[in-house]
Amino acid sequence: MTFGVMTVMTMFAFEGVGVATAMPVVARSLDGLGAYAWAFNGYVVASLVAMVVAGEWCDRAGPRGPLLVGVSVFGLGAVLAGAAWSMPVLVSARALQGLGGGLSVVTVYVIIGRAFPGHLRPKAFGLLAAAWVLPAIVGPLISGFLTDYVTWRAVFWFAVPFIIPPLILLVPRLDRLGGGVGDAPPRRGRIRLSLVAAAGLALLQEAGTRRGTSGGVLAVVGLGLLFPALSRLLPPGALRFARGLPTVVVMRGLLAGAFFASEAFVPLALRTVRGVSTTQSGLTLTIGAIAWALGSQVQGRLYGKVPRHRLVQVGAAMVAVCMGTLPLSLRDGIPFWVAAVSWFVGASGMGLCFGAIGTLTLELSEPEDQGANAAALQVCDSVGSVLLVGIAGAIYAAALDADAVSASTFATIWLVMAAVGAAGAVLAGRIRRHAAP
């Protein structure tokens, strides 16, 4: 069961790292640079809907069906993406992959909740983080080799064999977990709400690619669709950081958004300001993947010794320190590799946070709500990343339009995200169900 869960995450890790590496070549080959962002956005939007579907499906019928369908659909999407003859076909195939990915990831959380006793869940989440280490190290090399010397299509097809181990290892064993748990509460309209939220997210992503009035209008409409839907998809009180589970869920989006928004500009900043090579800047992110896994292993070993909310607070503070010190790497006279040190600290903090947040979500959920709350966790992850990456992108785009991109541009992005991380460290205290005396 454990090995099966790890192979699922390894499949997604190799696919994510590999596609990101090859996509510039893919877009040029298909004459689709204008739709470049949608090769990623289509995946995210489709996965949001699938996450909600998976949560409802798992709670009512058990994890077997969602995992079987999710992994199979993901593999089908990979086959079609590799065979794409135009950019619209590729984007559609990526959306299909997003459906499979959304179904599978939420189901993995439900499997951990049902198959692993409480004291082993933190270690299980540590293993999920460890599943990203090897792909982060060798994934770019494999993807680059296939793209340069075979064909970019092989990058997508490379993921297909990975669907076999989960089907062999997990699906037969999931029967013992049974179907739905008790009487799952009625949650009418959640699929419709997920479609509304996905539409809002899509408009926000499109707004980020436009300038002027049209971009502003799309952003306003997108927010108007997204947040009312989120208020009903997430645990009650989540958007106001109500104590307990609601804050746990929103913390996931807050910290994921700050981290990934900062990560998106680390290689660009080092190359633009310090003239660092692609290999050197990419190595910084690889170090981050290792640090994330280490942090996740630490939180697994601290189960029962340190309160979960303390781990989230410490991890969020480490993320804030990371973002706050990253601008030092752009100053003359300071070695550029200071960025790797900062990133190691921040990624270790994310490992602490994510493992603890996953464990807390399962601990604070009734068995019949584990699917819905795992879905809410993943939805927050996606929405937080899109919103904060969009804010970072808007800061960079404004400087680019003014022909004023400099070290201060990237420092502004990182300091904004440092403020988000610091806010997370403070708000993490609301994870406790009762205020401290």
Protein backbone atom coordinates (compact mmCIF):
# COMPACT_ATOMS: atom_id res chain seq x y z
CA MET A 1 0.00 0.00 0.00
CA THR A 2 2.79 2.42 0.95
CA PHE A 3 4.80 1.70 -2.18
CA GLY A 4 1.69 2.10 -4.32
CA VAL A 5 0.96 5.52 -2.85
CA MET A 6 4.56 6.59 -3.51
CA THR A 7 4.41 5.47 -7.15
CA VAL A 8 1.33 7.64 -7.70
CA MET A 9 3.14 10.73 -6.43
CA THR A 10 6.33 9.84 -8.31
CA MET A 11 4.32 9.66 -11.53
CA PHE A 12 2.95 13.17 -11.00
CA ALA A 13 6.37 14.48 -9.97
CA PHE A 14 8.14 13.17 -13.09
CA GLU A 15 5.35 14.47 -15.29
CA GLY A 16 5.32 17.93 -13.70
CA VAL A 17 9.09 18.42 -13.78
CA GLY A 18 9.47 16.93 -17.24
CA VAL A 19 6.69 18.92 -18.90
CA ALA A 20 7.91 22.19 -17.38
CA THR A 21 11.36 21.51 -18.85
CA ALA A 22 10.13 20.57 -22.32
CA MET A 23 7.22 22.98 -22.75
CA PRO A 24 9.16 25.82 -24.47
CA VAL A 25 10.16 23.38 -27.23
CA VAL A 26 6.66 21.89 -27.36
CA ALA A 27 5.01 25.29 -27.79
CA ARG A 28 7.39 26.33 -30.57
CA SER A 29 6.95 22.99 -32.34
CA LEU A 30 3.16 23.36 -32.32
CA ASP A 31 3.30 27.09 -33.16
CA GLY A 32 1.50 27.77 -29.91
CA LEU A 33 3.61 30.22 -27.91
CA GLY A 34 0.55 32.48 -27.63
CA ALA A 35 -1.23 29.75 -25.65
CA TYR A 36 1.86 28.71 -23.69
CA ALA A 37 0.38 29.48 -20.27
CA TRP A 38 -2.74 27.45 -21.00
CA ALA A 39 -0.72 24.28 -21.29
CA PHE A 40 -0.37 24.66 -17.51
CA ASN A 41 -3.54 26.61 -16.73
CA GLY A 42 -5.75 24.00 -18.39
CA TYR A 43 -4.33 21.36 -16.07
CA VAL A 44 -4.93 23.47 -12.96
CA VAL A 45 -8.50 24.49 -13.85
CA ALA A 46 -9.57 20.94 -14.73
CA SER A 47 -7.94 19.51 -11.63
CA LEU A 48 -9.91 21.88 -9.39
CA VAL A 49 -13.21 20.39 -10.58
CA ALA A 50 -11.83 16.86 -10.32
CA MET A 51 -10.70 17.45 -6.74
CA VAL A 52 -14.22 18.25 -5.60
CA VAL A 53 -15.61 15.28 -7.54
CA ALA A 54 -13.01 13.01 -5.93
CA GLY A 55 -13.87 14.20 -2.44
CA GLU A 56 -17.57 13.47 -2.92
CA TRP A 57 -16.86 10.16 -4.64
CA CYS A 58 -14.49 8.92 -1.93
CA ASP A 59 -16.85 9.84 0.91
CA ARG A 60 -19.81 8.10 -0.71
CA ALA A 61 -18.24 5.07 -2.40
CA GLY A 62 -14.68 4.68 -1.12
CA PRO A 63 -11.30 5.39 -2.76
CA ARG A 64 -11.07 2.46 -5.20
CA GLY A 65 -13.13 3.90 -8.04
CA PRO A 66 -11.67 7.43 -7.98
CA LEU A 67 -8.10 6.11 -7.99
CA LEU A 68 -8.72 3.64 -10.82
CA VAL A 69 -10.40 6.28 -12.98
CA GLY A 70 -7.98 9.06 -12.01
CA VAL A 71 -4.77 7.20 -12.82
CA SER A 72 -6.24 5.83 -16.06
CA VAL A 73 -7.50 9.23 -17.24
CA PHE A 74 -4.14 10.80 -16.40
CA GLY A 75 -2.38 8.16 -18.51
CA LEU A 76 -4.82 8.68 -21.38
CA GLY A 77 -4.17 12.42 -21.25
CA ALA A 78 -0.42 11.80 -21.39
CA VAL A 79 -0.82 9.60 -24.48
CA LEU A 80 -2.95 12.24 -26.23
CA ALA A 81 -0.60 15.07 -25.25
CA GLY A 82 2.32 13.18 -26.75
CA ALA A 83 0.34 12.68 -29.96
CA ALA A 84 -0.92 16.29 -30.16
CA TRP A 85 -0.77 17.86 -33.61
CA SER A 86 -1.79 21.37 -32.53
CA MET A 87 -1.72 23.55 -29.44
CA PRO A 88 -5.50 23.33 -28.83
CA VAL A 89 -5.21 19.53 -28.83
CA LEU A 90 -2.30 19.72 -26.39
CA VAL A 91 -4.20 22.04 -24.04
CA SER A 92 -7.22 19.70 -24.15
CA ALA A 93 -4.99 16.72 -23.36
CA ARG A 94 -3.41 18.63 -20.48
CA ALA A 95 -6.89 19.36 -19.14
CA LEU A 96 -7.63 15.63 -19.31
CA GLN A 97 -4.45 15.02 -17.34
CA GLY A 98 -5.66 17.59 -14.82
CA LEU A 99 -8.89 15.68 -14.35
CA GLY A 100 -6.95 12.49 -13.66
CA GLY A 101 -4.49 14.26 -11.41
CA GLY A 102 -7.19 15.94 -9.35
CA LEU A 103 -9.03 12.68 -8.83
CA SER A 104 -5.86 10.80 -7.87
CA VAL A 105 -4.24 13.27 -5.48
CA VAL A 106 -7.34 13.72 -3.32
CA THR A 107 -7.85 9.95 -3.29
CA VAL A 108 -4.28 9.42 -2.05
CA TYR A 109 -5.07 11.62 0.96
CA VAL A 110 -8.20 9.58 1.67
CA ILE A 111 -6.19 6.35 1.41
CA ILE A 112 -3.71 7.70 3.98
CA GLY A 113 -6.61 8.63 6.23
CA ARG A 114 -8.21 5.20 6.05
CA ALA A 115 -5.28 2.79 5.68
CA PHE A 116 -2.72 4.35 8.02
CA PRO A 117 -3.18 4.65 11.79
CA GLY A 118 -2.86 8.15 13.22
CA HIS A 119 0.73 7.82 14.41
CA LEU A 120 1.90 6.74 10.93
CA ARG A 121 0.15 9.44 8.90
CA PRO A 122 2.90 12.07 9.43
CA LYS A 123 5.46 9.56 8.15
CA ALA A 124 3.22 8.77 5.19
CA PHE A 125 3.16 12.45 4.25
CA GLY A 126 6.93 12.48 4.64
CA LEU A 127 7.13 9.71 2.06
CA LEU A 128 4.93 11.69 -0.33
CA ALA A 129 7.42 14.55 -0.14
CA ALA A 130 10.34 12.14 -0.62
CA ALA A 131 8.70 10.89 -3.82
CA TRP A 132 9.52 14.28 -5.39
CA VAL A 133 13.25 14.20 -4.70
CA LEU A 134 14.42 11.82 -7.45
CA PRO A 135 12.22 13.44 -10.14
CA ALA A 136 13.49 16.88 -9.12
CA ILE A 137 17.10 15.74 -9.52
CA VAL A 138 16.95 13.61 -12.66
CA GLY A 139 13.67 14.77 -14.19
CA PRO A 140 15.11 17.81 -16.02
CA LEU A 141 18.01 15.71 -17.33
CA ILE A 142 15.72 12.97 -18.65
CA SER A 143 13.28 15.46 -20.13
CA GLY A 144 16.06 17.49 -21.72
CA PHE A 145 17.65 14.38 -23.24
CA LEU A 146 14.35 13.10 -24.65
CA THR A 147 13.48 16.53 -26.03
CA ASP A 148 16.87 17.16 -27.62
CA TYR A 149 17.74 13.69 -28.91
CA VAL A 150 14.47 11.77 -29.28
CA THR A 151 11.29 13.85 -29.42
CA TRP A 152 9.40 16.07 -27.03
CA ARG A 153 6.47 13.66 -27.40
CA ALA A 154 8.45 11.06 -25.48
CA VAL A 155 8.40 13.35 -22.41
CA PHE A 156 4.64 12.82 -22.11
CA TRP A 157 4.78 9.15 -23.02
CA PHE A 158 7.50 8.59 -20.42
CA ALA A 159 4.83 9.00 -17.69
CA VAL A 160 2.53 6.31 -19.11
CA PRO A 161 4.33 3.23 -17.68
CA PHE A 162 4.04 4.79 -14.23
CA ILE A 163 0.28 4.20 -14.23
CA ILE A 164 0.79 0.43 -14.04
CA PRO A 165 2.32 0.04 -10.53
CA PRO A 166 -0.50 1.94 -8.75
CA LEU A 167 -3.13 -0.13 -10.54
CA ILE A 168 -1.38 -3.39 -9.60
CA LEU A 169 -0.39 -2.45 -6.05
CA LEU A 170 -3.27 -0.30 -4.84
CA VAL A 171 -6.53 -1.08 -6.60
CA PRO A 172 -6.87 -4.71 -5.37
CA ARG A 173 -5.97 -3.67 -1.81
CA LEU A 174 -8.45 -0.81 -1.69
CA ASP A 175 -11.36 -3.25 -1.49
CA ARG A 176 -10.42 -3.93 2.12
CA LEU A 177 -10.97 -0.23 2.91
CA GLY A 178 -14.61 -0.61 1.95
CA GLY A 179 -16.90 1.94 0.37
CA GLY A 180 -18.45 5.06 1.83
CA VAL A 181 -18.02 5.70 5.55
CA GLY A 182 -21.34 5.92 7.37
CA ASP A 183 -23.92 8.26 5.94
CA ALA A 184 -22.02 10.91 4.06
CA PRO A 185 -23.73 14.28 4.60
CA PRO A 186 -25.68 15.73 1.67
CA ARG A 187 -23.62 18.36 -0.13
CA ARG A 188 -25.86 19.59 -2.89
CA GLY A 189 -24.44 21.66 -5.67
CA ARG A 190 -20.75 21.12 -4.90
CA ILE A 191 -19.93 19.96 -8.41
CA ARG A 192 -21.70 23.01 -9.84
CA LEU A 193 -19.82 25.24 -7.40
CA SER A 194 -16.55 23.66 -8.47
CA LEU A 195 -17.33 24.55 -12.08
CA VAL A 196 -18.05 28.15 -11.07
CA ALA A 197 -14.80 28.31 -9.07
CA ALA A 198 -12.88 26.81 -12.00
CA ALA A 199 -14.36 29.40 -14.34
CA GLY A 200 -13.30 32.17 -11.96
CA LEU A 201 -9.81 30.71 -11.71
CA ALA A 202 -9.56 30.48 -15.50
CA LEU A 203 -10.55 34.14 -15.86
CA LEU A 204 -7.96 35.16 -13.30
CA GLN A 205 -5.26 33.23 -15.13
CA GLU A 206 -6.27 34.81 -18.43
CA ALA A 207 -6.28 38.25 -16.79
CA GLY A 208 -2.64 37.72 -15.88
CA THR A 209 -1.73 37.49 -19.57
CA ARG A 210 -3.43 40.76 -20.53
CA ARG A 211 -2.75 44.40 -19.90
CA GLY A 212 -4.98 47.39 -19.36
CA THR A 213 -8.75 47.46 -18.98
CA SER A 214 -9.46 44.01 -20.38
CA GLY A 215 -7.15 42.38 -17.85
CA GLY A 216 -8.72 44.33 -15.01
CA VAL A 217 -12.26 43.41 -16.05
CA LEU A 218 -11.38 39.73 -16.32
CA ALA A 219 -9.75 39.83 -12.88
CA VAL A 220 -12.79 41.44 -11.25
CA VAL A 221 -15.21 38.98 -12.86
CA GLY A 222 -12.95 36.06 -11.95
CA LEU A 223 -12.77 37.10 -8.31
CA GLY A 224 -16.54 37.63 -8.29
CA LEU A 225 -17.03 34.03 -9.37
CA LEU A 226 -14.24 32.45 -7.37
CA PHE A 227 -14.69 33.65 -3.80
CA PRO A 228 -18.44 33.08 -3.37
CA ALA A 229 -17.96 29.54 -4.68
CA LEU A 230 -14.96 28.97 -2.40
CA SER A 231 -16.92 30.08 0.66
CA ARG A 232 -19.21 27.08 0.13
CA LEU A 233 -16.59 24.58 -1.07
CA LEU A 234 -14.30 25.08 1.92
CA PRO A 235 -15.09 24.30 5.56
CA PRO A 236 -17.41 26.94 7.09
CA GLY A 237 -15.49 30.00 8.19
CA ALA A 238 -12.36 29.17 6.21
CA LEU A 239 -12.12 32.54 4.46
CA ARG A 240 -12.18 34.33 7.83
CA PHE A 241 -9.71 31.90 9.44
CA ALA A 242 -12.15 30.36 11.89
CA ARG A 243 -10.39 28.28 14.52
CA GLY A 244 -9.53 24.65 13.87
CA LEU A 245 -9.96 22.91 10.53
CA PRO A 246 -10.94 26.03 8.52
CA THR A 247 -7.61 27.69 9.31
CA VAL A 248 -5.70 24.47 8.60
CA VAL A 249 -7.17 24.30 5.10
CA VAL A 250 -6.57 27.94 4.20
CA MET A 251 -3.01 27.84 5.53
CA ARG A 252 -2.24 25.37 2.76
CA GLY A 253 -3.17 27.88 0.05
CA LEU A 254 -1.50 30.80 1.79
CA LEU A 255 1.88 29.12 2.14
CA ALA A 256 1.79 27.29 -1.18
CA GLY A 257 1.04 30.55 -2.98
CA ALA A 258 3.85 32.46 -1.28
CA PHE A 259 6.39 29.71 -1.90
CA PHE A 260 5.59 28.97 -5.52
CA ALA A 261 5.24 32.65 -6.42
CA SER A 262 8.76 33.20 -5.09
CA GLU A 263 10.11 30.06 -6.72
CA ALA A 264 8.88 31.15 -10.15
CA PHE A 265 11.27 34.11 -10.10
CA VAL A 266 14.37 32.63 -8.47
CA PRO A 267 16.03 31.35 -11.70
CA LEU A 268 15.00 34.46 -13.64
CA ALA A 269 16.35 36.81 -10.97
CA LEU A 270 19.68 35.02 -10.65
CA ARG A 271 20.15 34.94 -14.42
CA THR A 272 18.99 38.51 -15.06
CA VAL A 273 20.72 40.30 -12.20
CA ARG A 274 23.73 38.11 -11.35
CA GLY A 275 24.37 36.43 -14.72
CA VAL A 276 24.17 32.95 -13.21
CA SER A 277 23.96 30.00 -15.60
CA THR A 278 20.78 28.00 -16.09
CA THR A 279 22.40 24.98 -14.46
CA GLN A 280 23.45 26.94 -11.38
CA SER A 281 20.06 28.60 -10.92
CA GLY A 282 18.27 25.29 -11.46
CA LEU A 283 20.49 23.65 -8.84
CA THR A 284 19.05 26.05 -6.29
CA LEU A 285 15.58 24.65 -6.91
CA THR A 286 16.89 21.08 -6.76
CA ILE A 287 18.37 21.82 -3.33
CA GLY A 288 14.93 23.07 -2.38
CA ALA A 289 13.32 19.76 -3.34
CA ILE A 290 15.75 17.89 -1.11
CA ALA A 291 15.19 20.33 1.74
CA TRP A 292 11.41 19.97 1.43
CA ALA A 293 11.71 16.20 1.77
CA LEU A 294 14.01 16.59 4.80
CA GLY A 295 11.57 18.97 6.49
CA SER A 296 8.74 16.55 5.87
CA GLN A 297 10.75 13.70 7.36
CA VAL A 298 11.42 15.81 10.46
CA GLN A 299 7.72 16.52 11.01
CA GLY A 300 7.05 12.79 10.71
CA ARG A 301 9.54 12.04 13.46
CA LEU A 302 8.15 14.75 15.74
CA TYR A 303 4.69 13.20 15.90
CA GLY A 304 3.44 13.36 19.49
CA LYS A 305 6.44 15.41 20.62
CA VAL A 306 5.57 18.82 19.19
CA PRO A 307 2.03 20.12 18.65
CA ARG A 308 1.07 20.17 14.98
CA HIS A 309 0.15 23.86 15.01
CA ARG A 310 3.63 24.68 16.32
CA LEU A 311 5.18 22.90 13.36
CA VAL A 312 3.02 24.96 11.01
CA GLN A 313 3.99 28.17 12.82
CA VAL A 314 7.70 27.35 12.70
CA GLY A 315 7.49 26.28 9.07
CA ALA A 316 5.65 29.46 8.05
CA ALA A 317 8.24 31.56 9.88
CA MET A 318 11.01 29.75 7.99
CA VAL A 319 9.24 30.53 4.72
CA ALA A 320 9.06 34.21 5.69
CA VAL A 321 12.77 34.25 6.60
CA CYS A 322 13.60 32.65 3.26
CA MET A 323 11.71 35.25 1.21
CA GLY A 324 13.03 38.08 3.35
CA THR A 325 16.66 37.08 2.81
CA LEU A 326 16.49 36.14 -0.88
CA PRO A 327 17.10 39.77 -2.01
CA LEU A 328 20.56 39.57 -0.42
CA SER A 329 21.61 37.16 -3.19
CA LEU A 330 21.13 39.93 -5.75
CA ARG A 331 23.45 42.43 -4.07
CA ASP A 332 26.95 42.97 -5.42
CA GLY A 333 29.60 41.68 -3.08
CA ILE A 334 27.39 38.92 -1.70
CA PRO A 335 27.79 35.44 -3.28
CA PHE A 336 24.81 34.44 -5.41
CA TRP A 337 24.71 31.04 -3.69
CA VAL A 338 23.23 32.76 -0.64
CA ALA A 339 19.97 32.19 -2.53
CA ALA A 340 20.49 28.43 -2.17
CA VAL A 341 20.89 28.82 1.60
CA SER A 342 17.72 30.90 1.83
CA TRP A 343 15.85 28.47 -0.36
CA PHE A 344 16.99 25.52 1.75
CA VAL A 345 15.51 27.21 4.83
CA GLY A 346 12.23 28.02 3.11
CA ALA A 347 11.80 24.62 1.50
CA SER A 348 12.53 22.89 4.82
CA GLY A 349 9.81 25.03 6.36
CA MET A 350 7.39 23.99 3.63
CA GLY A 351 8.16 20.35 4.37
CA LEU A 352 7.30 20.93 8.02
CA CYS A 353 4.11 22.79 7.11
CA PHE A 354 2.69 20.57 4.42
CA GLY A 355 3.15 17.32 6.31
CA ALA A 356 1.64 18.81 9.46
CA ILE A 357 -1.25 20.39 7.56
CA GLY A 358 -2.08 17.11 5.83
CA THR A 359 -2.02 15.22 9.12
CA LEU A 360 -4.14 17.84 10.87
CA THR A 361 -6.73 17.82 8.10
CA LEU A 362 -7.28 14.09 8.53
CA GLU A 363 -7.19 14.28 12.33
CA LEU A 364 -9.79 17.06 12.47
CA SER A 365 -12.12 15.45 9.90
CA GLU A 366 -14.87 13.00 10.60
CA PRO A 367 -14.36 9.80 8.57
CA GLU A 368 -17.29 10.64 6.29
CA ASP A 369 -15.78 14.10 5.59
CA GLN A 370 -12.17 13.13 4.85
CA GLY A 371 -12.69 13.20 1.09
CA ALA A 372 -14.41 16.59 1.07
CA ASN A 373 -11.80 18.15 3.35
CA ALA A 374 -8.88 16.63 1.44
CA ALA A 375 -10.42 18.13 -1.69
CA ALA A 376 -10.75 21.51 0.04
CA LEU A 377 -7.06 21.33 0.94
CA GLN A 378 -6.05 20.75 -2.67
CA VAL A 379 -8.44 23.42 -3.95
CA CYS A 380 -6.85 25.95 -1.58
CA ASP A 381 -3.43 24.90 -2.81
CA SER A 382 -4.38 25.59 -6.43
CA VAL A 383 -6.23 28.84 -5.77
CA GLY A 384 -3.54 30.25 -3.47
CA SER A 385 -0.84 29.46 -6.01
CA VAL A 386 -2.75 31.05 -8.90
CA LEU A 387 -3.58 34.22 -6.95
CA LEU A 388 -0.13 34.87 -5.50
CA VAL A 389 1.77 33.84 -8.64
CA GLY A 390 -0.55 36.25 -10.46
CA ILE A 391 0.33 39.07 -8.06
CA ALA A 392 4.04 38.35 -8.49
CA GLY A 393 3.57 38.25 -12.26
CA ALA A 394 1.77 41.59 -12.22
CA ILE A 395 4.68 43.20 -10.32
CA TYR A 396 7.15 41.85 -12.84
CA ALA A 397 4.98 42.78 -15.83
CA ALA A 398 4.64 46.38 -14.60
CA ALA A 399 8.42 46.70 -14.36
CA LEU A 400 8.84 45.07 -17.77
CA ASP A 401 6.39 47.47 -19.41
CA ALA A 402 8.30 50.38 -17.91
CA ASP A 403 11.60 48.86 -19.03
CA ALA A 404 12.68 49.00 -15.38
CA VAL A 405 13.31 45.37 -14.42
CA SER A 406 16.06 45.34 -11.80
CA ALA A 407 17.08 43.73 -8.54
CA SER A 408 14.45 45.85 -6.76
CA THR A 409 11.72 44.25 -8.93
CA PHE A 410 12.51 40.78 -7.65
CA ALA A 411 13.14 42.05 -4.14
CA THR A 412 9.64 43.56 -4.12
CA ILE A 413 8.11 40.23 -5.16
CA TRP A 414 9.99 38.31 -2.50
CA LEU A 415 9.27 40.82 0.28
CA VAL A 416 5.55 40.74 -0.52
CA MET A 417 5.64 36.95 -0.22
CA ALA A 418 7.67 37.24 2.98
CA ALA A 419 4.83 39.30 4.41
CA VAL A 420 2.38 36.56 3.41
CA GLY A 421 4.55 33.95 5.12
CA ALA A 422 4.80 36.08 8.26
CA ALA A 423 1.02 36.49 8.29
CA GLY A 424 0.75 32.71 8.01
CA ALA A 425 3.01 32.25 11.03
CA VAL A 426 0.70 34.48 13.07
CA LEU A 427 -2.55 33.00 11.77
CA ALA A 428 -1.33 29.44 12.37
CA GLY A 429 -2.10 30.02 16.04
CA ARG A 430 -5.78 29.80 15.06
CA ILE A 431 -5.32 26.15 14.20
CA ARG A 432 -5.91 25.48 17.89
CA ARG A 433 -9.62 25.09 18.47
CA HIS A 434 -9.51 27.29 21.56
CA ALA A 435 -7.55 30.46 22.22
CA ALA A 436 -4.57 30.13 24.53
CA PRO A 437 -5.32 31.32 28.07
